Amino acid sequence: MEFVNGLWDFQYTGQVLPDLFSGLLVTIQATVIGYAIALTLGLLIAVVRRVPVFGTLVHFLMEFIRTTPLVIQLVFVFALSPANISVFTIGVVVIGVHYAAYTAEVYRSGIEGVAKGQWEASRALSLPTSRTWTAIVLPQAIRRVIPALGNYLIAMFKDTPLLFAIGVVELLAVAQQVGSKDFRYVETFTMVGFLFLLVSIPSAIVIRRLEKRYVAV
C-alpha cells in the first residue's frame, strides 16, 4: 500500500481532474467541429471527383493530403496563417481537411457500390440529377459506409493531441502543463489515457449500434 501511495497520489489526482476535464472539452470541441468539416467536405469531394478532368485534379490533391503527416500540415498552415487567426481555428480546419481526404474515399466506395440499375432507372424516369443524388444514390451510399465513417471519428479524436504542436491547449497540452508544475506525470498522463477511453468506448458502442440498425437491414 505504501508503494501504491508513493507511485500514485489520489489527492493530487483529484486536484488536477478539473483542469484535465477542461482540456477534454477542448479536445471534444475540436473533434466535433473537425469531423463536421470532414463529413461535409469529404462528400463534396466524392461528388466532384466524378467530374472529368477536374475530378482528377482533386484526386491528386487528396492523395497529397493523405500521404503527408498531419502534424506537418498543422505546422505548415500555422506558419503561413495570419496572426489574427486563432490556433484552435487553424487546428480544427487542418484536421478537418486532412480527414476529408479519407472520408471522400469512403463516400466514393459507397457511391460506386450503388447498383448501376439505380442510375439507369433514374434516367429512364427523367429524374433531375439533384433528385437522383439526394433521393436515390446518397441514402444508399451513406448507409453502406456508416461503420467506416464512424471509425474515422474515433481516429480523429485520438489524433487531436497533435494540435499541441501549434499551441492548442487541448487535453494533452493541459496534462503537460499540469504535470510540469509538480513533476508528477504518472497521474496526469494516466488520466489522459483514461479520459480518452471514457469518450472512445461509448462512441464505438454507438457506432456499432448504428451499423446494426442501418447497415444490416
Protein backbone atom coordinates (compact mmCIF):
# COMPACT_ATOMS: atom_id res chain seq x y z
CA MET A 1 0.00 0.00 0.00
CA GLU A 2 2.85 2.36 0.76
CA PHE A 3 4.29 1.58 -2.67
CA VAL A 4 0.96 2.47 -4.29
CA ASN A 5 0.71 5.71 -2.31
CA GLY A 6 4.22 6.64 -3.37
CA LEU A 7 3.51 5.90 -7.03
CA TRP A 8 0.00 7.33 -7.21
CA ASP A 9 -1.30 10.31 -5.26
CA PHE A 10 -5.11 10.15 -5.19
CA GLN A 11 -5.40 13.61 -3.65
CA TYR A 12 -3.24 15.12 -6.39
CA THR A 13 -5.32 13.28 -8.99
CA GLY A 14 -8.49 14.87 -7.64
CA GLN A 15 -6.86 18.29 -7.76
CA VAL A 16 -5.84 18.06 -11.41
CA LEU A 17 -9.03 16.45 -12.74
CA PRO A 18 -10.90 19.76 -13.25
CA ASP A 19 -8.03 21.05 -15.42
CA LEU A 20 -7.95 17.82 -17.38
CA PHE A 21 -11.71 17.96 -17.95
CA SER A 22 -11.34 21.48 -19.34
CA GLY A 23 -8.72 20.15 -21.76
CA LEU A 24 -11.01 17.26 -22.66
CA LEU A 25 -13.76 19.72 -23.51
CA VAL A 26 -11.46 21.48 -25.99
CA THR A 27 -10.50 18.11 -27.46
CA ILE A 28 -14.14 17.14 -27.93
CA GLN A 29 -14.97 20.51 -29.48
CA ALA A 30 -12.08 20.18 -31.93
CA THR A 31 -13.18 16.66 -32.82
CA VAL A 32 -16.83 17.53 -33.37
CA ILE A 33 -16.13 20.62 -35.50
CA GLY A 34 -13.32 18.93 -37.41
CA TYR A 35 -15.48 15.87 -38.06
CA ALA A 36 -18.32 18.04 -39.36
CA ILE A 37 -15.85 19.60 -41.80
CA ALA A 38 -14.54 16.18 -42.81
CA LEU A 39 -18.02 14.77 -43.43
CA THR A 40 -19.24 17.76 -45.44
CA LEU A 41 -16.09 18.41 -47.44
CA GLY A 42 -15.48 14.70 -47.98
CA LEU A 43 -18.93 14.26 -49.51
CA LEU A 44 -18.40 17.27 -51.76
CA ILE A 45 -15.06 15.90 -52.90
CA ALA A 46 -16.53 12.46 -53.59
CA VAL A 47 -19.19 14.01 -55.84
CA VAL A 48 -16.78 16.38 -57.60
CA ARG A 49 -14.39 13.51 -58.31
CA ARG A 50 -16.96 12.11 -60.75
CA VAL A 51 -16.49 15.20 -62.92
CA PRO A 52 -13.97 14.51 -65.74
CA VAL A 53 -10.60 16.33 -65.61
CA PHE A 54 -11.50 18.46 -62.58
CA GLY A 55 -12.06 15.28 -60.60
CA THR A 56 -8.57 14.10 -61.49
CA LEU A 57 -7.01 17.28 -60.09
CA VAL A 58 -9.00 16.91 -56.88
CA HIS A 59 -7.87 13.29 -56.64
CA PHE A 60 -4.19 14.24 -56.78
CA LEU A 61 -4.70 16.95 -54.16
CA MET A 62 -6.42 14.50 -51.83
CA GLU A 63 -3.64 11.95 -52.33
CA PHE A 64 -1.09 14.60 -51.37
CA ILE A 65 -3.01 15.39 -48.18
CA ARG A 66 -3.44 11.73 -47.28
CA THR A 67 0.21 10.84 -47.81
CA THR A 68 1.75 13.69 -45.79
CA PRO A 69 1.79 13.67 -41.97
CA LEU A 70 -0.96 15.59 -40.22
CA VAL A 71 1.50 17.24 -37.82
CA ILE A 72 3.49 18.63 -40.78
CA GLN A 73 0.32 20.04 -42.30
CA LEU A 74 -0.60 21.66 -38.98
CA VAL A 75 2.78 23.35 -38.57
CA PHE A 76 2.92 24.41 -42.24
CA VAL A 77 -0.53 26.03 -42.26
CA PHE A 78 0.12 27.59 -38.85
CA ALA A 79 3.32 29.19 -40.15
CA LEU A 80 1.53 30.66 -43.18
CA SER A 81 -1.63 31.82 -41.41
CA PRO A 82 -2.25 35.45 -40.39
CA ALA A 83 -1.65 36.25 -36.74
CA ASN A 84 -5.29 37.18 -36.15
CA ILE A 85 -6.50 33.61 -36.74
CA SER A 86 -6.64 31.54 -33.57
CA VAL A 87 -4.62 28.34 -33.30
CA PHE A 88 -7.83 26.47 -32.46
CA THR A 89 -9.39 27.55 -35.76
CA ILE A 90 -6.27 26.58 -37.68
CA GLY A 91 -6.09 23.21 -35.98
CA VAL A 92 -9.75 22.38 -36.50
CA VAL A 93 -9.71 23.33 -40.18
CA VAL A 94 -6.50 21.45 -40.92
CA ILE A 95 -7.58 18.26 -39.15
CA GLY A 96 -10.99 18.52 -40.82
CA VAL A 97 -9.49 18.87 -44.30
CA HIS A 98 -7.00 16.10 -43.58
CA TYR A 99 -9.73 13.65 -42.66
CA ALA A 100 -11.92 14.87 -45.52
CA ALA A 101 -9.38 13.21 -47.81
CA TYR A 102 -10.19 9.91 -46.08
CA THR A 103 -13.96 10.34 -45.81
CA ALA A 104 -14.05 11.24 -49.51
CA GLU A 105 -12.68 7.80 -50.31
CA VAL A 106 -15.25 6.23 -48.01
CA TYR A 107 -18.08 8.10 -49.72
CA ARG A 108 -16.66 7.19 -53.13
CA SER A 109 -16.72 3.49 -52.32
CA GLY A 110 -20.31 3.80 -51.12
CA ILE A 111 -21.38 5.67 -54.25
CA GLU A 112 -19.70 3.15 -56.53
CA GLY A 113 -21.45 0.40 -54.59
CA VAL A 114 -24.86 1.64 -55.71
CA ALA A 115 -26.13 -0.67 -58.44
CA LYS A 116 -25.92 0.67 -61.98
CA GLY A 117 -29.57 -0.20 -62.39
CA GLN A 118 -30.43 2.55 -59.91
CA TRP A 119 -28.74 5.15 -62.11
CA GLU A 120 -30.35 3.75 -65.25
CA ALA A 121 -33.79 3.74 -63.63
CA SER A 122 -33.33 7.39 -62.67
CA ARG A 123 -32.50 8.33 -66.25
CA ALA A 124 -35.44 6.33 -67.53
CA LEU A 125 -37.75 8.25 -65.20
CA SER A 126 -36.12 11.54 -66.29
CA LEU A 127 -35.34 12.45 -62.71
CA PRO A 128 -33.27 15.61 -62.20
CA THR A 129 -29.64 14.99 -61.27
CA SER A 130 -30.11 16.60 -57.86
CA ARG A 131 -33.09 14.33 -57.16
CA THR A 132 -31.14 11.25 -58.23
CA TRP A 133 -28.34 12.08 -55.82
CA THR A 134 -30.40 13.13 -52.81
CA ALA A 135 -33.23 10.60 -53.03
CA ILE A 136 -31.60 7.51 -54.54
CA VAL A 137 -27.80 7.44 -54.58
CA LEU A 138 -26.69 9.13 -51.35
CA PRO A 139 -29.17 7.41 -48.98
CA GLN A 140 -27.92 4.03 -50.16
CA ALA A 141 -24.25 5.03 -50.29
CA ILE A 142 -24.13 6.62 -46.84
CA ARG A 143 -25.91 3.69 -45.23
CA ARG A 144 -23.21 1.38 -46.53
CA VAL A 145 -20.30 3.43 -45.17
CA ILE A 146 -21.54 4.33 -41.67
CA PRO A 147 -19.04 1.95 -39.96
CA ALA A 148 -16.06 3.39 -41.83
CA LEU A 149 -17.14 6.98 -41.17
CA GLY A 150 -17.58 6.14 -37.50
CA ASN A 151 -14.09 4.68 -37.32
CA TYR A 152 -12.66 7.94 -38.65
CA LEU A 153 -14.50 9.84 -35.92
CA ILE A 154 -12.66 7.84 -33.27
CA ALA A 155 -9.38 8.13 -35.19
CA MET A 156 -9.76 11.91 -35.37
CA PHE A 157 -10.46 12.08 -31.64
CA LYS A 158 -7.23 10.20 -30.96
CA ASP A 159 -5.30 12.48 -33.33
CA THR A 160 -6.34 15.71 -31.61
CA PRO A 161 -3.24 15.62 -29.32
CA LEU A 162 -1.28 16.60 -32.45
CA LEU A 163 -2.87 20.05 -32.15
CA PHE A 164 -0.46 20.50 -29.25
CA ALA A 165 2.23 21.11 -31.89
CA ILE A 166 0.74 24.50 -32.79
CA GLY A 167 -0.23 25.56 -29.27
CA VAL A 168 -3.84 24.41 -28.96
CA VAL A 169 -4.42 23.82 -25.25
CA GLU A 170 -6.28 20.51 -25.55
CA LEU A 171 -6.15 17.54 -23.19
CA LEU A 172 -2.53 16.54 -23.79
CA ALA A 173 -1.30 20.14 -23.54
CA VAL A 174 -3.14 20.59 -20.24
CA ALA A 175 -1.64 17.36 -18.89
CA GLN A 176 1.83 18.53 -19.88
CA GLN A 177 1.34 21.91 -18.19
CA VAL A 178 -0.18 20.46 -15.02
CA GLY A 179 2.37 17.68 -14.72
CA SER A 180 5.33 20.01 -15.21
CA LYS A 181 4.31 22.15 -12.23
CA ASP A 182 4.98 19.40 -9.70
CA PHE A 183 6.89 16.98 -11.92
CA ARG A 184 4.13 14.40 -11.48
CA TYR A 185 3.39 12.85 -14.85
CA VAL A 186 2.19 9.39 -13.83
CA GLU A 187 -1.18 10.61 -12.57
CA THR A 188 -1.75 13.22 -15.27
CA PHE A 189 -0.89 11.12 -18.32
CA THR A 190 -2.62 8.05 -16.92
CA MET A 191 -5.78 10.11 -16.51
CA VAL A 192 -5.37 11.39 -20.06
CA GLY A 193 -5.46 7.81 -21.31
CA PHE A 194 -8.45 7.06 -19.12
CA LEU A 195 -10.35 10.12 -20.37
CA PHE A 196 -9.68 9.16 -23.98
CA LEU A 197 -11.09 5.71 -23.23
CA LEU A 198 -14.04 7.29 -21.45
CA VAL A 199 -15.05 9.00 -24.69
CA SER A 200 -13.83 6.48 -27.27
CA ILE A 201 -15.54 3.37 -25.88
CA PRO A 202 -19.08 4.84 -25.73
CA SER A 203 -18.53 6.30 -29.21
CA ALA A 204 -17.56 2.87 -30.53
CA ILE A 205 -20.68 1.37 -28.97
CA VAL A 206 -22.91 3.99 -30.59
CA ILE A 207 -21.26 3.42 -33.97
CA ARG A 208 -21.79 -0.33 -33.67
CA ARG A 209 -25.46 0.19 -32.90
CA LEU A 210 -25.83 2.49 -35.89
CA GLU A 211 -24.16 -0.17 -38.02
CA LYS A 212 -26.62 -2.81 -36.86
CA ARG A 213 -29.57 -0.51 -37.43
CA TYR A 214 -28.75 0.96 -40.82
CA VAL A 215 -26.24 -1.37 -42.47
CA ALA A 216 -27.61 -4.78 -41.56
CA VAL A 217 -31.07 -4.07 -42.95
